[in-house]
Amino acid sequence: MKILAVCQSGLGSSFMVQMNVQQVLKDENVKEDIEVDHSDVGSATADSADYFFVESTLKDALGSIPKDKIISLSSLIDLDETKKHVNDVLDRENVKHD
């Protein structure tokens, strides 16, 4: 599985979300190989990841990506919100976690 953090320019905030997702996966003791990367909104395509974590104001910019693959974050710095969404994805994909 691959998770892509997406922001306007693909630099700062998407990298921060990528690191937060990776921290949650570590904290949840996920053993399955899950690739996490970051990208700018213009480069994100439906086949570039299984799930796309994006700030809520940018979700409409991902028009070509199926809505069920988009995880909308109301706060990019709220680790609890990120953890909730990551755990939802893990549950949806039947990935074992703590």
PDB file of N, CA and C in Angstrom:
ATOM      1  N   MET A   1       0.846  -1.176   0.000  1.00  0.00           N
ATOM      2  CA  MET A   1       0.000   0.000   0.000  1.00  0.00           C
ATOM      3  C   MET A   1       0.893   1.242   0.000  1.00  0.00           C
ATOM      4  N   LYS A   2       0.388   2.295  -0.635  1.00  0.00           N
ATOM      5  CA  LYS A   2       1.120   3.559  -0.667  1.00  0.00           C
ATOM      6  C   LYS A   2       0.201   4.698  -0.241  1.00  0.00           C
ATOM      7  N   ILE A   3       0.739   5.563   0.610  1.00  0.00           N
ATOM      8  CA  ILE A   3       0.048   6.773   1.063  1.00  0.00           C
ATOM      9  C   ILE A   3       0.851   7.956   0.561  1.00  0.00           C
ATOM     10  N   LEU A   4       0.146   8.917  -0.035  1.00  0.00           N
ATOM     11  CA  LEU A   4       0.785  10.113  -0.559  1.00  0.00           C
ATOM     12  C   LEU A   4       0.222  11.335   0.159  1.00  0.00           C
ATOM     13  N   ALA A   5       1.107  12.120   0.754  1.00  0.00           N
ATOM     14  CA  ALA A   5       0.722  13.395   1.365  1.00  0.00           C
ATOM     15  C   ALA A   5       0.849  14.458   0.279  1.00  0.00           C
ATOM     16  N   VAL A   6      -0.201  15.261   0.111  1.00  0.00           N
ATOM     17  CA  VAL A   6      -0.247  16.210  -0.993  1.00  0.00           C
ATOM     18  C   VAL A   6      -0.471  17.624  -0.467  1.00  0.00           C
ATOM     19  N   CYS A   7       0.288  18.575  -1.024  1.00  0.00           N
ATOM     20  CA  CYS A   7       0.062  19.991  -0.735  1.00  0.00           C
ATOM     21  C   CYS A   7       0.245  20.786  -2.022  1.00  0.00           C
ATOM     22  N   GLN A   8       0.069  22.076  -1.932  1.00  0.00           N
ATOM     23  CA  GLN A   8       0.122  22.940  -3.116  1.00  0.00           C
ATOM     24  C   GLN A   8       1.449  22.813  -3.862  1.00  0.00           C
ATOM     25  N   SER A   9       2.558  22.917  -3.154  1.00  0.00           N
ATOM     26  CA  SER A   9       3.859  22.910  -3.825  1.00  0.00           C
ATOM     27  C   SER A   9       4.640  21.609  -3.656  1.00  0.00           C
ATOM     28  N   GLY A  10       4.171  20.720  -2.791  1.00  0.00           N
ATOM     29  CA  GLY A  10       4.853  19.442  -2.594  1.00  0.00           C
ATOM     30  C   GLY A  10       6.105  19.527  -1.755  1.00  0.00           C
ATOM     31  N   LEU A  11       6.220  20.575  -0.974  1.00  0.00           N
ATOM     32  CA  LEU A  11       7.437  20.758  -0.176  1.00  0.00           C
ATOM     33  C   LEU A  11       7.159  20.678   1.317  1.00  0.00           C
ATOM     34  N   GLY A  12       6.843  21.781   1.945  1.00  0.00           N
ATOM     35  CA  GLY A  12       6.768  21.863   3.401  1.00  0.00           C
ATOM     36  C   GLY A  12       5.660  21.084   4.056  1.00  0.00           C
ATOM     37  N   SER A  13       4.433  21.466   3.803  1.00  0.00           N
ATOM     38  CA  SER A  13       3.338  20.859   4.566  1.00  0.00           C
ATOM     39  C   SER A  13       3.113  19.397   4.195  1.00  0.00           C
ATOM     40  N   SER A  14       3.302  19.032   2.943  1.00  0.00           N
ATOM     41  CA  SER A  14       3.124  17.621   2.582  1.00  0.00           C
ATOM     42  C   SER A  14       4.226  16.768   3.210  1.00  0.00           C
ATOM     43  N   PHE A  15       5.429  17.299   3.309  1.00  0.00           N
ATOM     44  CA  PHE A  15       6.514  16.568   3.958  1.00  0.00           C
ATOM     45  C   PHE A  15       6.225  16.386   5.445  1.00  0.00           C
ATOM     46  N   MET A  16       5.653  17.412   6.069  1.00  0.00           N
ATOM     47  CA  MET A  16       5.279  17.322   7.480  1.00  0.00           C
ATOM     48  C   MET A  16       4.217  16.239   7.685  1.00  0.00           C
ATOM     49  N   VAL A  17       3.211  16.220   6.811  1.00  0.00           N
ATOM     50  CA  VAL A  17       2.165  15.188   6.907  1.00  0.00           C
ATOM     51  C   VAL A  17       2.779  13.807   6.681  1.00  0.00           C
ATOM     52  N   GLN A  18       3.689  13.693   5.723  1.00  0.00           N
ATOM     53  CA  GLN A  18       4.369  12.417   5.479  1.00  0.00           C
ATOM     54  C   GLN A  18       5.057  11.927   6.753  1.00  0.00           C
ATOM     55  N   MET A  19       5.795  12.815   7.408  1.00  0.00           N
ATOM     56  CA  MET A  19       6.491  12.433   8.643  1.00  0.00           C
ATOM     57  C   MET A  19       5.497  12.048   9.733  1.00  0.00           C
ATOM     58  N   ASN A  20       4.371  12.760   9.828  1.00  0.00           N
ATOM     59  CA  ASN A  20       3.362  12.421  10.837  1.00  0.00           C
ATOM     60  C   ASN A  20       2.751  11.047  10.562  1.00  0.00           C
ATOM     61  N   VAL A  21       2.447  10.753   9.300  1.00  0.00           N
ATOM     62  CA  VAL A  21       1.895   9.438   8.950  1.00  0.00           C
ATOM     63  C   VAL A  21       2.903   8.350   9.291  1.00  0.00           C
ATOM     64  N   GLN A  22       4.162   8.574   8.954  1.00  0.00           N
ATOM     65  CA  GLN A  22       5.192   7.590   9.272  1.00  0.00           C
ATOM     66  C   GLN A  22       5.318   7.385  10.780  1.00  0.00           C
ATOM     67  N   GLN A  23       5.196   8.449  11.554  1.00  0.00           N
ATOM     68  CA  GLN A  23       5.263   8.332  13.013  1.00  0.00           C
ATOM     69  C   GLN A  23       4.089   7.526  13.547  1.00  0.00           C
ATOM     70  N   VAL A  24       2.898   7.779  13.012  1.00  0.00           N
ATOM     71  CA  VAL A  24       1.716   7.027  13.440  1.00  0.00           C
ATOM     72  C   VAL A  24       1.904   5.543  13.116  1.00  0.00           C
ATOM     73  N   LEU A  25       2.383   5.225  11.929  1.00  0.00           N
ATOM     74  CA  LEU A  25       2.603   3.824  11.559  1.00  0.00           C
ATOM     75  C   LEU A  25       3.594   3.162  12.514  1.00  0.00           C
ATOM     76  N   LYS A  26       4.626   3.898  12.885  1.00  0.00           N
ATOM     77  CA  LYS A  26       5.606   3.372  13.848  1.00  0.00           C
ATOM     78  C   LYS A  26       4.967   3.189  15.216  1.00  0.00           C
ATOM     79  N   ASP A  27       4.234   4.203  15.686  1.00  0.00           N
ATOM     80  CA  ASP A  27       3.582   4.135  16.993  1.00  0.00           C
ATOM     81  C   ASP A  27       2.556   3.011  17.066  1.00  0.00           C
ATOM     82  N   GLU A  28       1.922   2.717  15.933  1.00  0.00           N
ATOM     83  CA  GLU A  28       0.895   1.670  15.875  1.00  0.00           C
ATOM     84  C   GLU A  28       1.490   0.284  15.617  1.00  0.00           C
ATOM     85  N   ASN A  29       2.827   0.207  15.578  1.00  0.00           N
ATOM     86  CA  ASN A  29       3.538  -1.067  15.365  1.00  0.00           C
ATOM     87  C   ASN A  29       3.101  -1.788  14.097  1.00  0.00           C
ATOM     88  N   VAL A  30       2.931  -1.034  13.028  1.00  0.00           N
ATOM     89  CA  VAL A  30       2.539  -1.632  11.746  1.00  0.00           C
ATOM     90  C   VAL A  30       3.756  -2.333  11.158  1.00  0.00           C
ATOM     91  N   LYS A  31       3.608  -3.612  10.895  1.00  0.00           N
ATOM     92  CA  LYS A  31       4.707  -4.415  10.356  1.00  0.00           C
ATOM     93  C   LYS A  31       4.639  -4.499   8.831  1.00  0.00           C
ATOM     94  N   GLU A  32       3.462  -4.306   8.280  1.00  0.00           N
ATOM     95  CA  GLU A  32       3.286  -4.372   6.832  1.00  0.00           C
ATOM     96  C   GLU A  32       4.061  -3.230   6.168  1.00  0.00           C
ATOM     97  N   ASP A  33       4.604  -3.507   4.993  1.00  0.00           N
ATOM     98  CA  ASP A  33       5.366  -2.498   4.260  1.00  0.00           C
ATOM     99  C   ASP A  33       4.405  -1.492   3.628  1.00  0.00           C
ATOM    100  N   ILE A  34       4.377  -0.293   4.174  1.00  0.00           N
ATOM    101  CA  ILE A  34       3.534   0.777   3.654  1.00  0.00           C
ATOM    102  C   ILE A  34       4.443   1.925   3.253  1.00  0.00           C
ATOM    103  N   GLU A  35       4.404   2.262   1.976  1.00  0.00           N
ATOM    104  CA  GLU A  35       5.219   3.350   1.461  1.00  0.00           C
ATOM    105  C   GLU A  35       4.491   4.667   1.708  1.00  0.00           C
ATOM    106  N   VAL A  36       5.223   5.654   2.203  1.00  0.00           N
ATOM    107  CA  VAL A  36       4.663   6.985   2.444  1.00  0.00           C
ATOM    108  C   VAL A  36       5.569   7.999   1.746  1.00  0.00           C
ATOM    109  N   ASP A  37       4.962   8.859   0.953  1.00  0.00           N
ATOM    110  CA  ASP A  37       5.721   9.862   0.214  1.00  0.00           C
ATOM    111  C   ASP A  37       4.922  11.156   0.189  1.00  0.00           C
ATOM    112  N   HIS A  38       5.473  12.206  -0.419  1.00  0.00           N
ATOM    113  CA  HIS A  38       4.756  13.471  -0.540  1.00  0.00           C
ATOM    114  C   HIS A  38       4.893  14.005  -1.959  1.00  0.00           C
ATOM    115  N   SER A  39       3.938  14.883  -2.333  1.00  0.00           N
ATOM    116  CA  SER A  39       3.878  15.369  -3.701  1.00  0.00           C
ATOM    117  C   SER A  39       3.134  16.692  -3.760  1.00  0.00           C
ATOM    118  N   ASP A  40       3.317  17.391  -4.874  1.00  0.00           N
ATOM    119  CA  ASP A  40       2.496  18.576  -5.108  1.00  0.00           C
ATOM    120  C   ASP A  40       1.171  18.141  -5.738  1.00  0.00           C
ATOM    121  N   VAL A  41       0.176  18.984  -5.619  1.00  0.00           N
ATOM    122  CA  VAL A  41      -1.169  18.647  -6.061  1.00  0.00           C
ATOM    123  C   VAL A  41      -1.227  18.371  -7.566  1.00  0.00           C
ATOM    124  N   GLY A  42      -0.433  19.069  -8.349  1.00  0.00           N
ATOM    125  CA  GLY A  42      -0.449  18.893  -9.801  1.00  0.00           C
ATOM    126  C   GLY A  42       0.132  17.578 -10.266  1.00  0.00           C
ATOM    127  N   SER A  43       0.987  16.971  -9.478  1.00  0.00           N
ATOM    128  CA  SER A  43       1.629  15.708  -9.849  1.00  0.00           C
ATOM    129  C   SER A  43       0.874  14.481  -9.352  1.00  0.00           C
ATOM    130  N   ALA A  44      -0.089  14.667  -8.480  1.00  0.00           N
ATOM    131  CA  ALA A  44      -0.825  13.532  -7.906  1.00  0.00           C
ATOM    132  C   ALA A  44      -1.827  12.998  -8.915  1.00  0.00           C
ATOM    133  N   THR A  45      -1.695  11.726  -9.242  1.00  0.00           N
ATOM    134  CA  THR A  45      -2.636  11.058 -10.140  1.00  0.00           C
ATOM    135  C   THR A  45      -3.250   9.866  -9.417  1.00  0.00           C
ATOM    136  N   ALA A  46      -4.363   9.401  -9.904  1.00  0.00           N
ATOM    137  CA  ALA A  46      -5.103   8.327  -9.232  1.00  0.00           C
ATOM    138  C   ALA A  46      -4.262   7.072  -9.039  1.00  0.00           C
ATOM    139  N   ASP A  47      -3.327   6.815  -9.933  1.00  0.00           N
ATOM    140  CA  ASP A  47      -2.516   5.606  -9.814  1.00  0.00           C
ATOM    141  C   ASP A  47      -1.200   5.820  -9.060  1.00  0.00           C
ATOM    142  N   SER A  48      -0.983   7.018  -8.524  1.00  0.00           N
ATOM    143  CA  SER A  48       0.276   7.262  -7.812  1.00  0.00           C
ATOM    144  C   SER A  48       0.243   6.820  -6.348  1.00  0.00           C
ATOM    145  N   ALA A  49      -0.945   6.494  -5.824  1.00  0.00           N
ATOM    146  CA  ALA A  49      -1.033   6.017  -4.433  1.00  0.00           C
ATOM    147  C   ALA A  49      -2.394   5.365  -4.213  1.00  0.00           C
ATOM    148  N   ASP A  50      -2.494   4.683  -3.085  1.00  0.00           N
ATOM    149  CA  ASP A  50      -3.776   4.094  -2.689  1.00  0.00           C
ATOM    150  C   ASP A  50      -4.613   5.088  -1.907  1.00  0.00           C
ATOM    151  N   TYR A  51      -3.946   5.957  -1.137  1.00  0.00           N
ATOM    152  CA  TYR A  51      -4.635   6.974  -0.343  1.00  0.00           C
ATOM    153  C   TYR A  51      -3.855   8.274  -0.410  1.00  0.00           C
ATOM    154  N   PHE A  52      -4.597   9.380  -0.418  1.00  0.00           N
ATOM    155  CA  PHE A  52      -4.024  10.709  -0.543  1.00  0.00           C
ATOM    156  C   PHE A  52      -4.452  11.547   0.655  1.00  0.00           C
ATOM    157  N   PHE A  53      -3.491  11.939   1.479  1.00  0.00           N
ATOM    158  CA  PHE A  53      -3.755  12.803   2.629  1.00  0.00           C
ATOM    159  C   PHE A  53      -3.543  14.241   2.180  1.00  0.00           C
ATOM    160  N   VAL A  54      -4.588  15.064   2.304  1.00  0.00           N
ATOM    161  CA  VAL A  54      -4.531  16.430   1.788  1.00  0.00           C
ATOM    162  C   VAL A  54      -5.272  17.373   2.731  1.00  0.00           C
ATOM    163  N   GLU A  55      -4.798  18.607   2.822  1.00  0.00           N
ATOM    164  CA  GLU A  55      -5.486  19.622   3.612  1.00  0.00           C
ATOM    165  C   GLU A  55      -6.854  19.874   2.988  1.00  0.00           C
ATOM    166  N   SER A  56      -7.864  20.054   3.798  1.00  0.00           N
ATOM    167  CA  SER A  56      -9.254  20.082   3.335  1.00  0.00           C
ATOM    168  C   SER A  56      -9.533  21.114   2.242  1.00  0.00           C
ATOM    169  N   THR A  57      -8.838  22.244   2.240  1.00  0.00           N
ATOM    170  CA  THR A  57      -9.099  23.260   1.215  1.00  0.00           C
ATOM    171  C   THR A  57      -8.558  22.864  -0.158  1.00  0.00           C
ATOM    172  N   LEU A  58      -7.700  21.848  -0.205  1.00  0.00           N
ATOM    173  CA  LEU A  58      -7.134  21.400  -1.485  1.00  0.00           C
ATOM    174  C   LEU A  58      -7.801  20.149  -2.048  1.00  0.00           C
ATOM    175  N   LYS A  59      -8.735  19.558  -1.328  1.00  0.00           N
ATOM    176  CA  LYS A  59      -9.285  18.283  -1.785  1.00  0.00           C
ATOM    177  C   LYS A  59      -9.971  18.394  -3.139  1.00  0.00           C
ATOM    178  N   ASP A  60     -10.580  19.527  -3.446  1.00  0.00           N
ATOM    179  CA  ASP A  60     -11.229  19.691  -4.741  1.00  0.00           C
ATOM    180  C   ASP A  60     -10.225  19.783  -5.887  1.00  0.00           C
ATOM    181  N   ALA A  61      -8.978  20.129  -5.577  1.00  0.00           N
ATOM    182  CA  ALA A  61      -7.933  20.193  -6.600  1.00  0.00           C
ATOM    183  C   ALA A  61      -7.503  18.801  -7.058  1.00  0.00           C
ATOM    184  N   LEU A  62      -7.935  17.780  -6.331  1.00  0.00           N
ATOM    185  CA  LEU A  62      -7.627  16.393  -6.687  1.00  0.00           C
ATOM    186  C   LEU A  62      -8.804  15.763  -7.431  1.00  0.00           C
ATOM    187  N   GLY A  63      -9.367  16.499  -8.357  1.00  0.00           N
ATOM    188  CA  GLY A  63     -10.584  16.084  -9.047  1.00  0.00           C
ATOM    189  C   GLY A  63     -10.514  14.758  -9.770  1.00  0.00           C
ATOM    190  N   SER A  64      -9.332  14.373 -10.256  1.00  0.00           N
ATOM    191  CA  SER A  64      -9.216  13.122 -11.006  1.00  0.00           C
ATOM    192  C   SER A  64      -9.048  11.900 -10.107  1.00  0.00           C
ATOM    193  N   ILE A  65      -8.939  12.136  -8.825  1.00  0.00           N
ATOM    194  CA  ILE A  65      -8.720  11.036  -7.877  1.00  0.00           C
ATOM    195  C   ILE A  65     -10.050  10.653  -7.233  1.00  0.00           C
ATOM    196  N   PRO A  66     -10.372   9.353  -7.198  1.00  0.00           N
ATOM    197  CA  PRO A  66     -11.630   8.923  -6.582  1.00  0.00           C
ATOM    198  C   PRO A  66     -11.758   9.430  -5.142  1.00  0.00           C
ATOM    199  N   LYS A  67     -12.935   9.912  -4.800  1.00  0.00           N
ATOM    200  CA  LYS A  67     -13.179  10.512  -3.478  1.00  0.00           C
ATOM    201  C   LYS A  67     -12.862   9.566  -2.330  1.00  0.00           C
ATOM    202  N   ASP A  68     -13.068   8.251  -2.535  1.00  0.00           N
ATOM    203  CA  ASP A  68     -12.817   7.302  -1.449  1.00  0.00           C
ATOM    204  C   ASP A  68     -11.322   7.104  -1.182  1.00  0.00           C
ATOM    205  N   LYS A  69     -10.460   7.637  -2.050  1.00  0.00           N
ATOM    206  CA  LYS A  69      -9.016   7.561  -1.840  1.00  0.00           C
ATOM    207  C   LYS A  69      -8.466   8.813  -1.154  1.00  0.00           C
ATOM    208  N   ILE A  70      -9.289   9.858  -1.066  1.00  0.00           N
ATOM    209  CA  ILE A  70      -8.836  11.133  -0.509  1.00  0.00           C
ATOM    210  C   ILE A  70      -9.151  11.213   0.981  1.00  0.00           C
ATOM    211  N   ILE A  71      -8.132  11.481   1.767  1.00  0.00           N
ATOM    212  CA  ILE A  71      -8.285  11.678   3.203  1.00  0.00           C
ATOM    213  C   ILE A  71      -8.079  13.167   3.469  1.00  0.00           C
ATOM    214  N   SER A  72      -9.144  13.831   3.830  1.00  0.00           N
ATOM    215  CA  SER A  72      -9.132  15.280   4.034  1.00  0.00           C
ATOM    216  C   SER A  72      -8.777  15.602   5.483  1.00  0.00           C
ATOM    217  N   LEU A  73      -7.745  16.432   5.652  1.00  0.00           N
ATOM    218  CA  LEU A  73      -7.286  16.833   6.984  1.00  0.00           C
ATOM    219  C   LEU A  73      -7.699  18.278   7.256  1.00  0.00           C
ATOM    220  N   SER A  74      -8.367  18.509   8.362  1.00  0.00           N
ATOM    221  CA  SER A  74      -8.739  19.879   8.710  1.00  0.00           C
ATOM    222  C   SER A  74      -7.555  20.615   9.351  1.00  0.00           C
ATOM    223  N   SER A  75      -6.604  19.858   9.906  1.00  0.00           N
ATOM    224  CA  SER A  75      -5.398  20.456  10.475  1.00  0.00           C
ATOM    225  C   SER A  75      -4.198  19.587  10.108  1.00  0.00           C
ATOM    226  N   LEU A  76      -3.211  20.189   9.492  1.00  0.00           N
ATOM    227  CA  LEU A  76      -2.020  19.436   9.092  1.00  0.00           C
ATOM    228  C   LEU A  76      -1.094  19.138  10.260  1.00  0.00           C
ATOM    229  N   ILE A  77      -1.252  19.856  11.358  1.00  0.00           N
ATOM    230  CA  ILE A  77      -0.349  19.671  12.499  1.00  0.00           C
ATOM    231  C   ILE A  77      -0.968  18.876  13.645  1.00  0.00           C
ATOM    232  N   ASP A  78      -2.231  18.499  13.501  1.00  0.00           N
ATOM    233  CA  ASP A  78      -2.926  17.758  14.552  1.00  0.00           C
ATOM    234  C   ASP A  78      -2.612  16.267  14.415  1.00  0.00           C
ATOM    235  N   LEU A  79      -1.667  15.793  15.214  1.00  0.00           N
ATOM    236  CA  LEU A  79      -1.255  14.394  15.131  1.00  0.00           C
ATOM    237  C   LEU A  79      -2.388  13.444  15.500  1.00  0.00           C
ATOM    238  N   ASP A  80      -3.272  13.862  16.401  1.00  0.00           N
ATOM    239  CA  ASP A  80      -4.408  13.015  16.767  1.00  0.00           C
ATOM    240  C   ASP A  80      -5.348  12.809  15.579  1.00  0.00           C
ATOM    241  N   GLU A  81      -5.588  13.867  14.808  1.00  0.00           N
ATOM    242  CA  GLU A  81      -6.432  13.733  13.619  1.00  0.00           C
ATOM    243  C   GLU A  81      -5.769  12.816  12.585  1.00  0.00           C
ATOM    244  N   THR A  82      -4.472  13.012  12.383  1.00  0.00           N
ATOM    245  CA  THR A  82      -3.744  12.152  11.445  1.00  0.00           C
ATOM    246  C   THR A  82      -3.816  10.702  11.890  1.00  0.00           C
ATOM    247  N   LYS A  83      -3.628  10.468  13.182  1.00  0.00           N
ATOM    248  CA  LYS A  83      -3.685   9.100  13.719  1.00  0.00           C
ATOM    249  C   LYS A  83      -5.055   8.479  13.476  1.00  0.00           C
ATOM    250  N   LYS A  84      -6.112   9.222  13.694  1.00  0.00           N
ATOM    251  CA  LYS A  84      -7.464   8.705  13.466  1.00  0.00           C
ATOM    252  C   LYS A  84      -7.632   8.277  12.013  1.00  0.00           C
ATOM    253  N   HIS A  85      -7.199   9.130  11.090  1.00  0.00           N
ATOM    254  CA  HIS A  85      -7.349   8.814   9.662  1.00  0.00           C
ATOM    255  C   HIS A  85      -6.458   7.646   9.237  1.00  0.00           C
ATOM    256  N   VAL A  86      -5.235   7.599   9.745  1.00  0.00           N
ATOM    257  CA  VAL A  86      -4.347   6.481   9.419  1.00  0.00           C
ATOM    258  C   VAL A  86      -4.956   5.180   9.938  1.00  0.00           C
ATOM    259  N   ASN A  87      -5.456   5.183  11.165  1.00  0.00           N
ATOM    260  CA  ASN A  87      -6.064   3.977  11.715  1.00  0.00           C
ATOM    261  C   ASN A  87      -7.311   3.566  10.935  1.00  0.00           C
ATOM    262  N   ASP A  88      -8.086   4.546  10.458  1.00  0.00           N
ATOM    263  CA  ASP A  88      -9.242   4.227   9.607  1.00  0.00           C
ATOM    264  C   ASP A  88      -8.796   3.522   8.329  1.00  0.00           C
ATOM    265  N   VAL A  89      -7.726   4.017   7.722  1.00  0.00           N
ATOM    266  CA  VAL A  89      -7.189   3.393   6.505  1.00  0.00           C
ATOM    267  C   VAL A  89      -6.689   1.989   6.819  1.00  0.00           C
ATOM    268  N   LEU A  90      -5.964   1.830   7.909  1.00  0.00           N
ATOM    269  CA  LEU A  90      -5.453   0.512   8.290  1.00  0.00           C
ATOM    270  C   LEU A  90      -6.596  -0.470   8.510  1.00  0.00           C
ATOM    271  N   ASP A  91      -7.643  -0.018   9.183  1.00  0.00           N
ATOM    272  CA  ASP A  91      -8.805  -0.886   9.404  1.00  0.00           C
ATOM    273  C   ASP A  91      -9.478  -1.254   8.085  1.00  0.00           C
ATOM    274  N   ARG A  92      -9.632  -0.279   7.206  1.00  0.00           N
ATOM    275  CA  ARG A  92     -10.269  -0.504   5.902  1.00  0.00           C
ATOM    276  C   ARG A  92      -9.494  -1.539   5.084  1.00  0.00           C
ATOM    277  N   GLU A  93      -8.175  -1.510   5.223  1.00  0.00           N
ATOM    278  CA  GLU A  93      -7.303  -2.404   4.462  1.00  0.00           C
ATOM    279  C   GLU A  93      -6.925  -3.679   5.227  1.00  0.00           C
ATOM    280  N   ASN A  94      -7.529  -3.864   6.406  1.00  0.00           N
ATOM    281  CA  ASN A  94      -7.250  -5.029   7.250  1.00  0.00           C
ATOM    282  C   ASN A  94      -5.776  -5.191   7.589  1.00  0.00           C
ATOM    283  N   VAL A  95      -5.139  -4.067   7.914  1.00  0.00           N
ATOM    284  CA  VAL A  95      -3.734  -4.075   8.320  1.00  0.00           C
ATOM    285  C   VAL A  95      -3.686  -4.083   9.839  1.00  0.00           C
ATOM    286  N   LYS A  96      -2.957  -5.044  10.384  1.00  0.00           N
ATOM    287  CA  LYS A  96      -2.860  -5.191  11.832  1.00  0.00           C
ATOM    288  C   LYS A  96      -2.090  -4.020  12.430  1.00  0.00           C
ATOM    289  N   HIS A  97      -2.637  -3.480  13.521  1.00  0.00           N
ATOM    290  CA  HIS A  97      -1.983  -2.376  14.248  1.00  0.00           C
ATOM    291  C   HIS A  97      -2.464  -2.389  15.681  1.00  0.00           C
ATOM    292  N   ASP A  98      -1.742  -1.645  16.545  1.00  0.00           N
ATOM    293  CA  ASP A  98      -2.097  -1.594  17.971  1.00  0.00           C
ATOM    294  C   ASP A  98      -3.251  -0.641  18.207  1.00  0.00           C
TER     295      ASP A  98
END
